[in-house]
C-alpha atoms as a PDB file:
ATOM      1  CA  MET A   1     -82.460-121.878 -63.154  1.00  0.00           C
ATOM      2  CA  ASP A   2     -83.631-124.633 -65.469  1.00  0.00           C
ATOM      3  CA  ASP A   3     -80.033-125.669 -66.139  1.00  0.00           C
ATOM      4  CA  LEU A   4     -79.440-125.837 -62.392  1.00  0.00           C
ATOM      5  CA  LEU A   5     -82.475-128.041 -61.837  1.00  0.00           C
ATOM      6  CA  ARG A   6     -81.490-130.412 -64.656  1.00  0.00           C
ATOM      7  CA  ALA A   7     -77.951-130.718 -63.268  1.00  0.00           C
ATOM      8  CA  THR A   8     -79.372-131.294 -59.801  1.00  0.00           C
ATOM      9  CA  HIS A   9     -81.757-133.975 -61.046  1.00  0.00           C
ATOM     10  CA  ARG A  10     -78.916-135.867 -62.736  1.00  0.00           C
ATOM     11  CA  ALA A  11     -76.738-135.844 -59.604  1.00  0.00           C
ATOM     12  CA  GLU A  12     -78.917-135.959 -56.520  1.00  0.00           C
ATOM     13  CA  ARG A  13     -79.510-139.716 -56.312  1.00  0.00           C
ATOM     14  CA  ARG A  14     -75.797-140.690 -56.338  1.00  0.00           C
ATOM     15  CA  HIS A  15     -73.641-137.623 -55.583  1.00  0.00           C
ATOM     16  CA  PHE A  16     -71.855-137.798 -52.233  1.00  0.00           C
ATOM     17  CA  TRP A  17     -73.004-134.309 -51.226  1.00  0.00           C
ATOM     18  CA  TYR A  18     -76.647-135.289 -51.493  1.00  0.00           C
ATOM     19  CA  ARG A  19     -76.090-138.518 -49.662  1.00  0.00           C
ATOM     20  CA  GLY A  20     -74.503-136.565 -46.832  1.00  0.00           C
ATOM     21  CA  PHE A  21     -77.215-133.928 -46.846  1.00  0.00           C
ATOM     22  CA  ARG A  22     -80.000-136.516 -46.448  1.00  0.00           C
ATOM     23  CA  LEU A  23     -78.204-138.031 -43.447  1.00  0.00           C
ATOM     24  CA  PHE A  24     -77.577-134.618 -41.858  1.00  0.00           C
ATOM     25  CA  VAL A  25     -81.216-133.466 -41.934  1.00  0.00           C
ATOM     26  CA  LYS A  26     -82.723-136.690 -40.543  1.00  0.00           C
ATOM     27  CA  PRO A  27     -82.203-135.899 -36.839  1.00  0.00           C
ATOM     28  CA  PHE A  28     -83.514-132.376 -37.439  1.00  0.00           C
ATOM     29  CA  LEU A  29     -86.676-133.805 -39.002  1.00  0.00           C
ATOM     30  CA  THR A  30     -87.061-136.247 -36.137  1.00  0.00           C
ATOM     31  CA  GLU A  31     -86.840-133.407 -33.586  1.00  0.00           C
ATOM     32  CA  ALA A  32     -89.107-131.103 -35.593  1.00  0.00           C
ATOM     33  CA  THR A  33     -91.898-133.689 -35.857  1.00  0.00           C
ATOM     34  CA  LYS A  34     -91.545-135.207 -32.382  1.00  0.00           C
ATOM     35  CA  GLY A  35     -94.916-135.556 -30.641  1.00  0.00           C
ATOM     36  CA  VAL A  36     -96.948-134.583 -33.698  1.00  0.00           C
ATOM     37  CA  SER A  37     -99.375-137.094 -35.153  1.00  0.00           C
ATOM     38  CA  ARG A  38     -99.198-137.216 -38.983  1.00  0.00           C
ATOM     39  CA  PRO A  39     -97.475-133.812 -39.316  1.00  0.00           C
ATOM     40  CA  LEU A  40     -97.958-131.700 -42.409  1.00  0.00           C
ATOM     41  CA  ILE A  41     -94.593-130.733 -43.887  1.00  0.00           C
ATOM     42  CA  LEU A  42     -94.027-128.077 -46.593  1.00  0.00           C
ATOM     43  CA  ASP A  43     -90.827-127.860 -48.636  1.00  0.00           C
ATOM     44  CA  CYS A  44     -90.451-124.209 -49.624  1.00  0.00           C
ATOM     45  CA  GLY A  45     -88.581-124.316 -52.941  1.00  0.00           C
ATOM     46  CA  CYS A  46     -88.771-128.066 -53.529  1.00  0.00           C
ATOM     47  CA  GLY A  47     -86.762-128.036 -56.754  1.00  0.00           C
ATOM     48  CA  THR A  48     -87.049-131.414 -58.439  1.00  0.00           C
ATOM     49  CA  GLY A  49     -89.033-132.860 -55.543  1.00  0.00           C
ATOM     50  CA  ALA A  50     -86.347-135.285 -54.411  1.00  0.00           C
ATOM     51  CA  ASN A  51     -86.487-134.063 -50.848  1.00  0.00           C
ATOM     52  CA  LEU A  52     -90.235-134.724 -50.720  1.00  0.00           C
ATOM     53  CA  THR A  53     -89.336-138.416 -50.738  1.00  0.00           C
ATOM     54  CA  ILE A  54     -87.408-137.890 -47.495  1.00  0.00           C
ATOM     55  CA  LEU A  55     -90.089-135.671 -45.933  1.00  0.00           C
ATOM     56  CA  LYS A  56     -92.923-138.121 -46.532  1.00  0.00           C
ATOM     57  CA  LYS A  57     -91.227-140.576 -44.171  1.00  0.00           C
ATOM     58  CA  TYR A  58     -91.940-138.069 -41.383  1.00  0.00           C
ATOM     59  CA  GLY A  59     -95.450-136.938 -42.360  1.00  0.00           C
ATOM     60  CA  ARG A  60     -97.583-135.758 -45.269  1.00  0.00           C
ATOM     61  CA  SER A  61     -95.272-133.782 -47.557  1.00  0.00           C
ATOM     62  CA  PHE A  62     -96.190-130.806 -49.743  1.00  0.00           C
ATOM     63  CA  GLY A  63     -93.972-128.602 -51.858  1.00  0.00           C
ATOM     64  CA  PHE A  64     -93.785-125.651 -54.162  1.00  0.00           C
ATOM     65  CA  ASP A  65     -91.198-124.287 -56.534  1.00  0.00           C
ATOM     66  CA  LEU A  66     -90.909-121.226 -58.738  1.00  0.00           C
ATOM     67  CA  THR A  67     -90.125-123.151 -61.949  1.00  0.00           C
ATOM     68  CA  TRP A  68     -92.241-125.478 -64.023  1.00  0.00           C
ATOM     69  CA  THR A  69     -89.137-127.538 -64.731  1.00  0.00           C
ATOM     70  CA  GLY A  70     -88.854-128.398 -61.056  1.00  0.00           C
ATOM     71  CA  ILE A  71     -92.562-129.107 -60.742  1.00  0.00           C
ATOM     72  CA  THR A  72     -92.433-131.386 -63.811  1.00  0.00           C
ATOM     73  CA  PHE A  73     -89.607-133.446 -62.280  1.00  0.00           C
ATOM     74  CA  ALA A  74     -91.564-133.678 -59.024  1.00  0.00           C
ATOM     75  CA  LEU A  75     -94.745-134.820 -60.768  1.00  0.00           C
ATOM     76  CA  GLU A  76     -92.849-137.395 -62.793  1.00  0.00           C
ATOM     77  CA  ALA A  77     -91.466-138.807 -59.525  1.00  0.00           C
ATOM     78  CA  GLY A  78     -95.000-139.258 -58.221  1.00  0.00           C
ATOM     79  CA  HIS A  79     -95.285-136.224 -55.961  1.00  0.00           C
ATOM     80  CA  ASN A  80     -98.744-134.766 -56.643  1.00  0.00           C
ATOM     81  CA  ARG A  81     -99.025-132.328 -53.705  1.00  0.00           C
ATOM     82  CA  VAL A  82     -96.889-129.651 -55.384  1.00  0.00           C
ATOM     83  CA  ALA A  83     -97.567-126.114 -56.642  1.00  0.00           C
ATOM     84  CA  CYS A  84     -95.809-123.507 -58.706  1.00  0.00           C
ATOM     85  CA  ALA A  85     -95.249-120.484 -56.458  1.00  0.00           C
ATOM     86  CA  SER A  86     -92.719-118.041 -55.042  1.00  0.00           C
ATOM     87  CA  ALA A  87     -90.932-118.446 -51.722  1.00  0.00           C
ATOM     88  CA  THR A  88     -92.264-115.047 -50.767  1.00  0.00           C
ATOM     89  CA  GLN A  89     -95.908-115.748 -51.586  1.00  0.00           C
ATOM     90  CA  ALA A  90     -97.044-119.372 -51.113  1.00  0.00           C
ATOM     91  CA  PRO A  91    -100.675-120.371 -51.918  1.00  0.00           C
ATOM     92  CA  PHE A  92    -101.513-121.760 -48.467  1.00  0.00           C
ATOM     93  CA  PRO A  93    -103.413-120.349 -45.485  1.00  0.00           C
ATOM     94  CA  ASP A  94    -101.813-119.090 -42.286  1.00  0.00           C
ATOM     95  CA  ASP A  95    -100.693-121.675 -39.740  1.00  0.00           C
ATOM     96  CA  SER A  96    -101.228-124.549 -42.181  1.00  0.00           C
ATOM     97  CA  PHE A  97     -98.155-126.690 -41.520  1.00  0.00           C
ATOM     98  CA  ASP A  98     -96.371-128.321 -38.611  1.00  0.00           C
ATOM     99  CA  VAL A  99     -92.955-128.082 -40.288  1.00  0.00           C
ATOM    100  CA  ALA A 100     -91.564-126.001 -43.177  1.00  0.00           C
ATOM    101  CA  THR A 101     -88.228-126.640 -44.798  1.00  0.00           C
ATOM    102  CA  SER A 102     -85.995-124.435 -46.911  1.00  0.00           C
ATOM    103  CA  PHE A 103     -83.083-126.385 -48.421  1.00  0.00           C
ATOM    104  CA  ASP A 104     -80.585-124.197 -50.256  1.00  0.00           C
ATOM    105  CA  VAL A 105     -83.028-121.518 -51.348  1.00  0.00           C
ATOM    106  CA  LEU A 106     -82.425-118.415 -49.238  1.00  0.00           C
ATOM    107  CA  TYR A 107     -78.881-117.881 -50.479  1.00  0.00           C
ATOM    108  CA  CYS A 108     -80.128-117.186 -54.028  1.00  0.00           C
ATOM    109  CA  LEU A 109     -82.592-114.501 -53.001  1.00  0.00           C
ATOM    110  CA  GLU A 110     -81.950-110.737 -52.888  1.00  0.00           C
ATOM    111  CA  ASP A 111     -81.700-109.336 -49.335  1.00  0.00           C
ATOM    112  CA  GLY A 112     -85.280-108.109 -49.180  1.00  0.00           C
ATOM    113  CA  ARG A 113     -86.708-111.273 -50.645  1.00  0.00           C
ATOM    114  CA  GLU A 114     -84.567-113.399 -48.315  1.00  0.00           C
ATOM    115  CA  GLN A 115     -86.300-111.800 -45.305  1.00  0.00           C
ATOM    116  CA  ALA A 116     -89.694-111.949 -47.028  1.00  0.00           C
ATOM    117  CA  ALA A 117     -89.225-115.716 -47.589  1.00  0.00           C
ATOM    118  CA  ILE A 118     -88.437-116.194 -43.879  1.00  0.00           C
ATOM    119  CA  ASN A 119     -91.491-114.138 -42.936  1.00  0.00           C
ATOM    120  CA  GLU A 120     -93.561-116.292 -45.247  1.00  0.00           C
ATOM    121  CA  MET A 121     -92.402-119.470 -43.520  1.00  0.00           C
ATOM    122  CA  TYR A 122     -93.373-117.869 -40.210  1.00  0.00           C
ATOM    123  CA  ARG A 123     -96.884-117.223 -41.604  1.00  0.00           C
ATOM    124  CA  LEU A 124     -97.218-120.789 -42.889  1.00  0.00           C
ATOM    125  CA  VAL A 125     -96.240-122.784 -39.786  1.00  0.00           C
ATOM    126  CA  ARG A 126     -98.556-123.107 -36.805  1.00  0.00           C
ATOM    127  CA  PRO A 127     -97.558-121.687 -33.386  1.00  0.00           C
ATOM    128  CA  GLY A 128     -95.133-124.202 -31.936  1.00  0.00           C
ATOM    129  CA  GLY A 129     -94.290-125.452 -35.411  1.00  0.00           C
ATOM    130  CA  ALA A 130     -90.719-125.709 -36.687  1.00  0.00           C
ATOM    131  CA  ILE A 131     -88.636-124.836 -39.716  1.00  0.00           C
ATOM    132  CA  ILE A 132     -85.458-126.492 -40.956  1.00  0.00           C
ATOM    133  CA  VAL A 133     -83.157-124.344 -43.044  1.00  0.00           C
ATOM    134  CA  ASN A 134     -80.018-125.353 -44.979  1.00  0.00           C
ATOM    135  CA  VAL A 135     -77.707-122.769 -46.526  1.00  0.00           C
ATOM    136  CA  PRO A 136     -74.130-122.628 -47.888  1.00  0.00           C
ATOM    137  CA  ALA A 137     -71.493-121.319 -45.469  1.00  0.00           C
ATOM    138  CA  MET A 138     -68.124-119.531 -45.369  1.00  0.00           C
ATOM    139  CA  ASN A 139     -67.194-116.919 -47.976  1.00  0.00           C
ATOM    140  CA  MET A 140     -63.805-118.579 -48.498  1.00  0.00           C
ATOM    141  CA  LEU A 141     -65.653-121.430 -50.250  1.00  0.00           C
ATOM    142  CA  THR A 142     -67.000-119.245 -53.037  1.00  0.00           C
ATOM    143  CA  GLY A 143     -66.194-120.910 -56.360  1.00  0.00           C
ATOM    144  CA  ASN A 144     -67.377-121.730 -59.851  1.00  0.00           C
ATOM    145  CA  HIS A 145     -70.489-123.401 -58.518  1.00  0.00           C
ATOM    146  CA  SER A 146     -71.445-120.182 -56.762  1.00  0.00           C
ATOM    147  CA  ARG A 147     -71.749-118.462 -60.124  1.00  0.00           C
ATOM    148  CA  PHE A 148     -73.580-121.395 -61.686  1.00  0.00           C
ATOM    149  CA  VAL A 149     -76.334-121.364 -59.042  1.00  0.00           C
ATOM    150  CA  GLY A 150     -76.653-117.576 -58.782  1.00  0.00           C
ATOM    151  CA  GLU A 151     -75.337-117.460 -55.239  1.00  0.00           C
ATOM    152  CA  ARG A 152     -75.871-114.052 -53.592  1.00  0.00           C
ATOM    153  CA  ARG A 153     -74.359-114.804 -50.197  1.00  0.00           C
ATOM    154  CA  ARG A 154     -72.827-117.472 -48.012  1.00  0.00           C
ATOM    155  CA  TYR A 155     -73.726-117.571 -44.340  1.00  0.00           C
ATOM    156  CA  SER A 156     -72.210-117.613 -40.918  1.00  0.00           C
ATOM    157  CA  ARG A 157     -74.199-119.097 -38.063  1.00  0.00           C
ATOM    158  CA  ALA A 158     -74.622-115.624 -36.591  1.00  0.00           C
ATOM    159  CA  ARG A 159     -75.990-114.180 -39.844  1.00  0.00           C
ATOM    160  CA  LEU A 160     -78.521-116.961 -40.332  1.00  0.00           C
ATOM    161  CA  ARG A 161     -79.569-116.758 -36.676  1.00  0.00           C
ATOM    162  CA  ARG A 162     -80.169-112.998 -36.982  1.00  0.00           C
ATOM    163  CA  ALA A 163     -82.268-113.408 -40.130  1.00  0.00           C
ATOM    164  CA  LEU A 164     -84.451-116.111 -38.567  1.00  0.00           C
ATOM    165  CA  GLU A 165     -84.885-114.230 -35.319  1.00  0.00           C
ATOM    166  CA  ARG A 166     -85.871-111.057 -37.216  1.00  0.00           C
ATOM    167  CA  GLY A 167     -88.622-113.202 -38.722  1.00  0.00           C
ATOM    168  CA  GLY A 168     -89.870-114.159 -35.254  1.00  0.00           C
ATOM    169  CA  PHE A 169     -88.372-117.640 -34.929  1.00  0.00           C
ATOM    170  CA  ARG A 170     -86.525-119.012 -31.919  1.00  0.00           C
ATOM    171  CA  VAL A 171     -83.409-120.926 -32.967  1.00  0.00           C
ATOM    172  CA  GLU A 172     -83.059-124.280 -31.216  1.00  0.00           C
ATOM    173  CA  ARG A 173     -80.071-125.781 -32.994  1.00  0.00           C
ATOM    174  CA  ILE A 174     -77.619-124.502 -35.604  1.00  0.00           C
ATOM    175  CA  THR A 175     -74.509-126.257 -36.865  1.00  0.00           C
ATOM    176  CA  HIS A 176     -72.096-126.489 -39.750  1.00  0.00           C
ATOM    177  CA  THR A 177     -72.058-129.649 -41.884  1.00  0.00           C
ATOM    178  CA  ASN A 178     -69.618-131.144 -44.431  1.00  0.00           C
ATOM    179  CA  ALA A 179     -66.725-130.522 -42.046  1.00  0.00           C
ATOM    180  CA  SER A 180     -65.094-133.809 -43.037  1.00  0.00           C
ATOM    181  CA  ILE A 181     -64.622-132.630 -46.643  1.00  0.00           C
ATOM    182  CA  PHE A 182     -63.842-128.997 -45.808  1.00  0.00           C
ATOM    183  CA  LEU A 183     -60.111-129.049 -46.629  1.00  0.00           C
ATOM    184  CA  PRO A 184     -60.328-130.619 -50.118  1.00  0.00           C
ATOM    185  CA  MET A 185     -63.284-128.382 -50.925  1.00  0.00           C
ATOM    186  CA  LEU A 186     -61.345-125.317 -49.790  1.00  0.00           C
ATOM    187  CA  ALA A 187     -58.339-126.294 -51.921  1.00  0.00           C
ATOM    188  CA  ALA A 188     -60.541-126.782 -54.991  1.00  0.00           C
ATOM    189  CA  ARG A 189     -62.337-123.465 -54.548  1.00  0.00           C
ATOM    190  CA  LEU A 190     -59.089-121.525 -53.955  1.00  0.00           C
ATOM    191  CA  LEU A 191     -57.676-122.995 -57.161  1.00  0.00           C
ATOM    192  CA  GLN A 192     -60.853-121.946 -59.041  1.00  0.00           C
ATOM    193  CA  ARG A 193     -60.515-118.381 -57.803  1.00  0.00           C
ATOM    194  CA  LEU A 194     -56.845-118.225 -58.756  1.00  0.00           C
ATOM    195  CA  ARG A 195     -57.763-119.289 -62.303  1.00  0.00           C
ATOM    196  CA  GLY A 196     -60.705-116.884 -62.473  1.00  0.00           C
ATOM    197  CA  LEU A 197     -64.262-117.907 -61.639  1.00  0.00           C
ATOM    198  CA  GLU A 198     -66.496-119.424 -64.317  1.00  0.00           C
ATOM    199  CA  SER A 199     -70.134-120.489 -64.281  1.00  0.00           C
ATOM    200  CA  LYS A 200     -69.643-124.244 -63.896  1.00  0.00           C
ATOM    201  CA  SER A 201     -71.534-126.840 -61.892  1.00  0.00           C
ATOM    202  CA  ASP A 202     -70.022-128.999 -59.115  1.00  0.00           C
ATOM    203  CA  PHE A 203     -72.736-131.594 -59.664  1.00  0.00           C
ATOM    204  CA  ARG A 204     -70.677-133.989 -61.751  1.00  0.00           C
ATOM    205  CA  VAL A 205     -70.631-137.310 -59.871  1.00  0.00           C
ATOM    206  CA  PRO A 206     -67.008-138.334 -59.170  1.00  0.00           C
ATOM    207  CA  SER A 207     -65.620-141.753 -60.016  1.00  0.00           C
ATOM    208  CA  ALA A 208     -67.246-144.582 -58.040  1.00  0.00           C
ATOM    209  CA  PRO A 209     -64.291-145.112 -55.649  1.00  0.00           C
ATOM    210  CA  LEU A 210     -63.947-141.399 -54.853  1.00  0.00           C
ATOM    211  CA  ASN A 211     -67.699-140.915 -54.578  1.00  0.00           C
ATOM    212  CA  GLY A 212     -67.886-143.883 -52.220  1.00  0.00           C
ATOM    213  CA  LEU A 213     -65.023-142.594 -50.065  1.00  0.00           C
ATOM    214  CA  LEU A 214     -66.529-139.123 -49.723  1.00  0.00           C
ATOM    215  CA  SER A 215     -69.947-140.648 -48.991  1.00  0.00           C
ATOM    216  CA  LEU A 216     -68.351-142.721 -46.217  1.00  0.00           C
ATOM    217  CA  MET A 217     -66.687-139.668 -44.717  1.00  0.00           C
ATOM    218  CA  LEU A 218     -70.014-137.833 -44.638  1.00  0.00           C
ATOM    219  CA  THR A 219     -71.766-140.876 -43.160  1.00  0.00           C
ATOM    220  CA  ILE A 220     -69.274-140.919 -40.266  1.00  0.00           C
ATOM    221  CA  GLU A 221     -69.706-137.170 -39.839  1.00  0.00           C
ATOM    222  CA  ALA A 222     -73.500-137.577 -39.670  1.00  0.00           C
ATOM    223  CA  GLY A 223     -73.034-139.934 -36.740  1.00  0.00           C
ATOM    224  CA  VAL A 224     -70.893-137.353 -34.946  1.00  0.00           C
ATOM    225  CA  LEU A 225     -73.413-134.640 -35.739  1.00  0.00           C
ATOM    226  CA  ARG A 226     -76.036-136.511 -33.742  1.00  0.00           C
ATOM    227  CA  LEU A 227     -73.906-135.865 -30.639  1.00  0.00           C
ATOM    228  CA  ILE A 228     -72.311-132.423 -31.124  1.00  0.00           C
ATOM    229  CA  ASP A 229     -72.517-129.276 -33.275  1.00  0.00           C
ATOM    230  CA  LEU A 230     -69.665-128.600 -35.692  1.00  0.00           C
ATOM    231  CA  PRO A 231     -67.846-125.225 -35.885  1.00  0.00           C
ATOM    232  CA  ILE A 232     -66.805-125.435 -39.536  1.00  0.00           C
ATOM    233  CA  GLY A 233     -68.065-126.825 -42.829  1.00  0.00           C
ATOM    234  CA  SER A 234     -69.440-125.826 -46.220  1.00  0.00           C
ATOM    235  CA  SER A 235     -73.115-125.739 -45.144  1.00  0.00           C
ATOM    236  CA  ILE A 236     -75.183-124.704 -42.134  1.00  0.00           C
ATOM    237  CA  VAL A 237     -78.373-126.459 -41.054  1.00  0.00           C
ATOM    238  CA  CYS A 238     -80.688-124.902 -38.493  1.00  0.00           C
ATOM    239  CA  LEU A 239     -83.791-125.960 -36.557  1.00  0.00           C
ATOM    240  CA  ALA A 240     -85.943-123.026 -35.396  1.00  0.00           C
ATOM    241  CA  ARG A 241     -89.416-122.816 -33.948  1.00  0.00           C
ATOM    242  CA  LYS A 242     -92.338-120.400 -34.073  1.00  0.00           C
ATOM    243  CA  PRO A 243     -93.230-119.428 -30.477  1.00  0.00           C
ATOM    244  CA  VAL A 244     -96.576-120.518 -29.102  1.00  0.00           C
END
């Protein structure tokens, strides 16, 4: 896990995937916080704390992570409302937050802990509050990076919807993302499986021209995503709400 966080920290400011991710979640955050004055937002599994920088533009951001490595990176970046805790047992009272986020956390948890983490988010958000969840999608995209991050599953929209609804949430929007780079990603992952999977990270930042091109493709896709949901892509992002 520490190796994963260090690799993430090196890549997340410039890597095209992270640039795309930040654009994809913005309309979800806008919808989740609409009508709420100074919302309290909790990032469940905040990693290095980079996403707290995004969240604080929408309200007061808090976070927790299981590792001290992640917490150290977050503190060094100036995020002081962070705690070291498990996704299944967070140190906050019931109904404390207006929004909770879970960005690429659930897919690493064992089945029982996956549902426990969803149940914990339900406990933490107030009635009428929202969660935003991002997970990897489509089993055909399993590759070296899957082994590196300890991936236990990839999701379909139906599977993620069922898990969230079992936890009591009402799904309001669910869509694939990274559709624009799906074909080159599929080709790369198929080649990796043909060669035999290894535990290697995909977080190496490509050359500047390629990184810029892929960033542009994801920027255009983010504009499309504001209008329609996408049926294919390497990730799924979901907005769900706790009933009043």
